[in-house]
Every structure is written in C-alpha cells, then in structure tokens.
Amino acid sequence: MFPVDKYPSYNFVGRILGPRGNSLKRVEALTDCRVYIRGKGSVKDSLKV
C-alpha cells in the first residue's frame, strides 16, 4: 500500500518500474515472482494527456 492520498503528485508506479522496467524486472528475477501493479494510477489515463 502506498500513501497516494498523502503524496498525490509523486509517481509511485514510475518509481517501481524504473527506467525501461529494469527495476521491476530485477525484483521479479530475484524473487522468482510476478509483480502486478494494480489500483489508482496504475494505468495511464488517456483523457489527462
């Protein structure tokens, strides 16, 4: 759980993914698990462009 309400302008999803998804790939490789990012802010909103 991330405090999105407390920090509305911080990009938590981008921080988890890292550049080109490298951070996420590293976590998945080290833990031998799949990581799913769900919830508010996990999908780019095309209307907000």
PDB file of N, CA and C in Angstrom:
ATOM      1  N   MET A   1       0.840  -1.178   0.000  1.00  0.00           N
ATOM      2  CA  MET A   1       0.000   0.000   0.000  1.00  0.00           C
ATOM      3  C   MET A   1       0.888   1.245   0.000  1.00  0.00           C
ATOM      4  N   PHE A   2       0.552   2.194  -0.855  1.00  0.00           N
ATOM      5  CA  PHE A   2       1.314   3.431  -0.962  1.00  0.00           C
ATOM      6  C   PHE A   2       0.430   4.612  -0.579  1.00  0.00           C
ATOM      7  N   PRO A   3       0.995   5.613   0.079  1.00  0.00           N
ATOM      8  CA  PRO A   3       0.207   6.767   0.519  1.00  0.00           C
ATOM      9  C   PRO A   3      -0.072   7.760  -0.608  1.00  0.00           C
ATOM     10  N   VAL A   4      -0.863   7.349  -1.587  1.00  0.00           N
ATOM     11  CA  VAL A   4      -1.156   8.182  -2.745  1.00  0.00           C
ATOM     12  C   VAL A   4      -1.920   9.442  -2.334  1.00  0.00           C
ATOM     13  N   ASP A   5      -2.790   9.314  -1.339  1.00  0.00           N
ATOM     14  CA  ASP A   5      -3.556  10.483  -0.880  1.00  0.00           C
ATOM     15  C   ASP A   5      -2.648  11.529  -0.253  1.00  0.00           C
ATOM     16  N   LYS A   6      -1.602  11.080   0.431  1.00  0.00           N
ATOM     17  CA  LYS A   6      -0.675  11.998   1.105  1.00  0.00           C
ATOM     18  C   LYS A   6       0.274  12.669   0.107  1.00  0.00           C
ATOM     19  N   TYR A   7       0.663  11.942  -0.948  1.00  0.00           N
ATOM     20  CA  TYR A   7       1.584  12.457  -1.969  1.00  0.00           C
ATOM     21  C   TYR A   7       0.948  12.306  -3.348  1.00  0.00           C
ATOM     22  N   PRO A   8      -0.024  13.139  -3.695  1.00  0.00           N
ATOM     23  CA  PRO A   8      -0.754  12.950  -4.962  1.00  0.00           C
ATOM     24  C   PRO A   8       0.074  13.208  -6.218  1.00  0.00           C
ATOM     25  N   SER A   9       1.136  13.987  -6.122  1.00  0.00           N
ATOM     26  CA  SER A   9       1.906  14.299  -7.326  1.00  0.00           C
ATOM     27  C   SER A   9       3.122  13.389  -7.514  1.00  0.00           C
ATOM     28  N   TYR A  10       3.371  12.467  -6.579  1.00  0.00           N
ATOM     29  CA  TYR A  10       4.529  11.581  -6.687  1.00  0.00           C
ATOM     30  C   TYR A  10       4.190  10.389  -7.577  1.00  0.00           C
ATOM     31  N   ASN A  11       5.104  10.028  -8.455  1.00  0.00           N
ATOM     32  CA  ASN A  11       4.894   8.941  -9.412  1.00  0.00           C
ATOM     33  C   ASN A  11       5.394   7.622  -8.815  1.00  0.00           C
ATOM     34  N   PHE A  12       4.567   6.964  -8.008  1.00  0.00           N
ATOM     35  CA  PHE A  12       4.944   5.700  -7.386  1.00  0.00           C
ATOM     36  C   PHE A  12       5.129   4.598  -8.417  1.00  0.00           C
ATOM     37  N   VAL A  13       4.264   4.540  -9.403  1.00  0.00           N
ATOM     38  CA  VAL A  13       4.333   3.486 -10.423  1.00  0.00           C
ATOM     39  C   VAL A  13       5.626   3.605 -11.214  1.00  0.00           C
ATOM     40  N   GLY A  14       5.980   4.815 -11.619  1.00  0.00           N
ATOM     41  CA  GLY A  14       7.227   5.024 -12.350  1.00  0.00           C
ATOM     42  C   GLY A  14       8.444   4.652 -11.529  1.00  0.00           C
ATOM     43  N   ARG A  15       8.382   4.921 -10.241  1.00  0.00           N
ATOM     44  CA  ARG A  15       9.497   4.587  -9.345  1.00  0.00           C
ATOM     45  C   ARG A  15       9.662   3.074  -9.210  1.00  0.00           C
ATOM     46  N   ILE A  16       8.559   2.355  -9.151  1.00  0.00           N
ATOM     47  CA  ILE A  16       8.614   0.892  -9.041  1.00  0.00           C
ATOM     48  C   ILE A  16       9.129   0.283 -10.336  1.00  0.00           C
ATOM     49  N   LEU A  17       8.636   0.779 -11.463  1.00  0.00           N
ATOM     50  CA  LEU A  17       9.038   0.222 -12.759  1.00  0.00           C
ATOM     51  C   LEU A  17      10.494   0.515 -13.079  1.00  0.00           C
ATOM     52  N   GLY A  18      10.933   1.729 -12.808  1.00  0.00           N
ATOM     53  CA  GLY A  18      12.303   2.116 -13.130  1.00  0.00           C
ATOM     54  C   GLY A  18      12.447   2.392 -14.614  1.00  0.00           C
ATOM     55  N   PRO A  19      13.658   2.785 -15.019  1.00  0.00           N
ATOM     56  CA  PRO A  19      13.871   3.071 -16.435  1.00  0.00           C
ATOM     57  C   PRO A  19      13.719   1.808 -17.291  1.00  0.00           C
ATOM     58  N   ARG A  20      12.827   1.902 -18.270  1.00  0.00           N
ATOM     59  CA  ARG A  20      12.515   0.780 -19.170  1.00  0.00           C
ATOM     60  C   ARG A  20      12.089  -0.487 -18.428  1.00  0.00           C
ATOM     61  N   GLY A  21      11.566  -0.351 -17.207  1.00  0.00           N
ATOM     62  CA  GLY A  21      11.086  -1.507 -16.455  1.00  0.00           C
ATOM     63  C   GLY A  21      12.180  -2.320 -15.810  1.00  0.00           C
ATOM     64  N   ASN A  22      13.408  -1.795 -15.765  1.00  0.00           N
ATOM     65  CA  ASN A  22      14.529  -2.568 -15.239  1.00  0.00           C
ATOM     66  C   ASN A  22      14.394  -2.884 -13.755  1.00  0.00           C
ATOM     67  N   SER A  23      13.887  -1.960 -12.970  1.00  0.00           N
ATOM     68  CA  SER A  23      13.729  -2.219 -11.531  1.00  0.00           C
ATOM     69  C   SER A  23      12.729  -3.340 -11.298  1.00  0.00           C
ATOM     70  N   LEU A  24      11.627  -3.288 -12.009  1.00  0.00           N
ATOM     71  CA  LEU A  24      10.604  -4.328 -11.877  1.00  0.00           C
ATOM     72  C   LEU A  24      11.153  -5.677 -12.331  1.00  0.00           C
ATOM     73  N   LYS A  25      11.867  -5.700 -13.433  1.00  0.00           N
ATOM     74  CA  LYS A  25      12.447  -6.945 -13.936  1.00  0.00           C
ATOM     75  C   LYS A  25      13.438  -7.530 -12.936  1.00  0.00           C
ATOM     76  N   ARG A  26      14.239  -6.667 -12.300  1.00  0.00           N
ATOM     77  CA  ARG A  26      15.222  -7.135 -11.315  1.00  0.00           C
ATOM     78  C   ARG A  26      14.521  -7.748 -10.099  1.00  0.00           C
ATOM     79  N   VAL A  27      13.476  -7.097  -9.612  1.00  0.00           N
ATOM     80  CA  VAL A  27      12.729  -7.627  -8.469  1.00  0.00           C
ATOM     81  C   VAL A  27      12.103  -8.966  -8.821  1.00  0.00           C
ATOM     82  N   GLU A  28      11.528  -9.064 -10.007  1.00  0.00           N
ATOM     83  CA  GLU A  28      10.920 -10.331 -10.426  1.00  0.00           C
ATOM     84  C   GLU A  28      11.962 -11.433 -10.564  1.00  0.00           C
ATOM     85  N   ALA A  29      13.137 -11.107 -11.068  1.00  0.00           N
ATOM     86  CA  ALA A  29      14.189 -12.119 -11.228  1.00  0.00           C
ATOM     87  C   ALA A  29      14.734 -12.580  -9.875  1.00  0.00           C
ATOM     88  N   LEU A  30      14.919 -11.651  -8.950  1.00  0.00           N
ATOM     89  CA  LEU A  30      15.462 -12.002  -7.634  1.00  0.00           C
ATOM     90  C   LEU A  30      14.485 -12.815  -6.796  1.00  0.00           C
ATOM     91  N   THR A  31      13.204 -12.520  -6.913  1.00  0.00           N
ATOM     92  CA  THR A  31      12.208 -13.190  -6.082  1.00  0.00           C
ATOM     93  C   THR A  31      11.532 -14.365  -6.774  1.00  0.00           C
ATOM     94  N   ASP A  32      11.760 -14.504  -8.073  1.00  0.00           N
ATOM     95  CA  ASP A  32      11.124 -15.553  -8.872  1.00  0.00           C
ATOM     96  C   ASP A  32       9.600 -15.470  -8.754  1.00  0.00           C
ATOM     97  N   CYS A  33       9.086 -14.243  -8.756  1.00  0.00           N
ATOM     98  CA  CYS A  33       7.651 -13.972  -8.666  1.00  0.00           C
ATOM     99  C   CYS A  33       7.259 -12.944  -9.723  1.00  0.00           C
ATOM    100  N   ARG A  34       5.980 -12.910 -10.025  1.00  0.00           N
ATOM    101  CA  ARG A  34       5.448 -11.879 -10.919  1.00  0.00           C
ATOM    102  C   ARG A  34       4.928 -10.741 -10.061  1.00  0.00           C
ATOM    103  N   VAL A  35       5.166  -9.505 -10.484  1.00  0.00           N
ATOM    104  CA  VAL A  35       4.695  -8.333  -9.763  1.00  0.00           C
ATOM    105  C   VAL A  35       3.611  -7.673 -10.608  1.00  0.00           C
ATOM    106  N   TYR A  36       2.444  -7.492 -10.006  1.00  0.00           N
ATOM    107  CA  TYR A  36       1.330  -6.826 -10.675  1.00  0.00           C
ATOM    108  C   TYR A  36       1.057  -5.515  -9.965  1.00  0.00           C
ATOM    109  N   ILE A  37       1.000  -4.439 -10.730  1.00  0.00           N
ATOM    110  CA  ILE A  37       0.698  -3.126 -10.178  1.00  0.00           C
ATOM    111  C   ILE A  37      -0.756  -2.835 -10.512  1.00  0.00           C
ATOM    112  N   ARG A  38      -1.567  -2.705  -9.459  1.00  0.00           N
ATOM    113  CA  ARG A  38      -2.998  -2.508  -9.650  1.00  0.00           C
ATOM    114  C   ARG A  38      -3.456  -1.292  -8.863  1.00  0.00           C
ATOM    115  N   GLY A  39      -4.614  -0.796  -9.220  1.00  0.00           N
ATOM    116  CA  GLY A  39      -5.226   0.283  -8.467  1.00  0.00           C
ATOM    117  C   GLY A  39      -5.090   1.634  -9.127  1.00  0.00           C
ATOM    118  N   LYS A  40      -5.430   2.653  -8.359  1.00  0.00           N
ATOM    119  CA  LYS A  40      -5.443   4.022  -8.847  1.00  0.00           C
ATOM    120  C   LYS A  40      -4.055   4.435  -9.323  1.00  0.00           C
ATOM    121  N   GLY A  41      -3.961   4.928 -10.542  1.00  0.00           N
ATOM    122  CA  GLY A  41      -2.697   5.385 -11.093  1.00  0.00           C
ATOM    123  C   GLY A  41      -1.881   4.320 -11.782  1.00  0.00           C
ATOM    124  N   SER A  42      -2.360   3.086 -11.816  1.00  0.00           N
ATOM    125  CA  SER A  42      -1.577   2.022 -12.431  1.00  0.00           C
ATOM    126  C   SER A  42      -1.717   2.002 -13.952  1.00  0.00           C
ATOM    127  N   VAL A  43      -2.773   2.608 -14.467  1.00  0.00           N
ATOM    128  CA  VAL A  43      -3.000   2.670 -15.911  1.00  0.00           C
ATOM    129  C   VAL A  43      -2.983   4.133 -16.322  1.00  0.00           C
ATOM    130  N   LYS A  44      -2.253   4.425 -17.383  1.00  0.00           N
ATOM    131  CA  LYS A  44      -2.170   5.798 -17.868  1.00  0.00           C
ATOM    132  C   LYS A  44      -3.529   6.246 -18.402  1.00  0.00           C
ATOM    133  N   ASP A  45      -3.997   7.380 -17.925  1.00  0.00           N
ATOM    134  CA  ASP A  45      -5.294   7.903 -18.328  1.00  0.00           C
ATOM    135  C   ASP A  45      -5.127   8.731 -19.597  1.00  0.00           C
ATOM    136  N   SER A  46      -5.694   8.258 -20.707  1.00  0.00           N
ATOM    137  CA  SER A  46      -5.535   8.950 -21.990  1.00  0.00           C
ATOM    138  C   SER A  46      -6.283  10.288 -22.034  1.00  0.00           C
ATOM    139  N   LEU A  47      -7.249  10.478 -21.158  1.00  0.00           N
ATOM    140  CA  LEU A  47      -8.009  11.715 -21.133  1.00  0.00           C
ATOM    141  C   LEU A  47      -7.229  12.859 -20.488  1.00  0.00           C
ATOM    142  N   LYS A  48      -6.243  12.541 -19.668  1.00  0.00           N
ATOM    143  CA  LYS A  48      -5.463  13.556 -18.944  1.00  0.00           C
ATOM    144  C   LYS A  48      -4.272  14.087 -19.729  1.00  0.00           C
ATOM    145  N   VAL A  49      -4.039  13.575 -20.921  1.00  0.00           N
ATOM    146  CA  VAL A  49      -2.858  13.927 -21.718  1.00  0.00           C
ATOM    147  C   VAL A  49      -2.672  15.388 -21.706  1.00  0.00           C
TER     148      VAL A  49
END
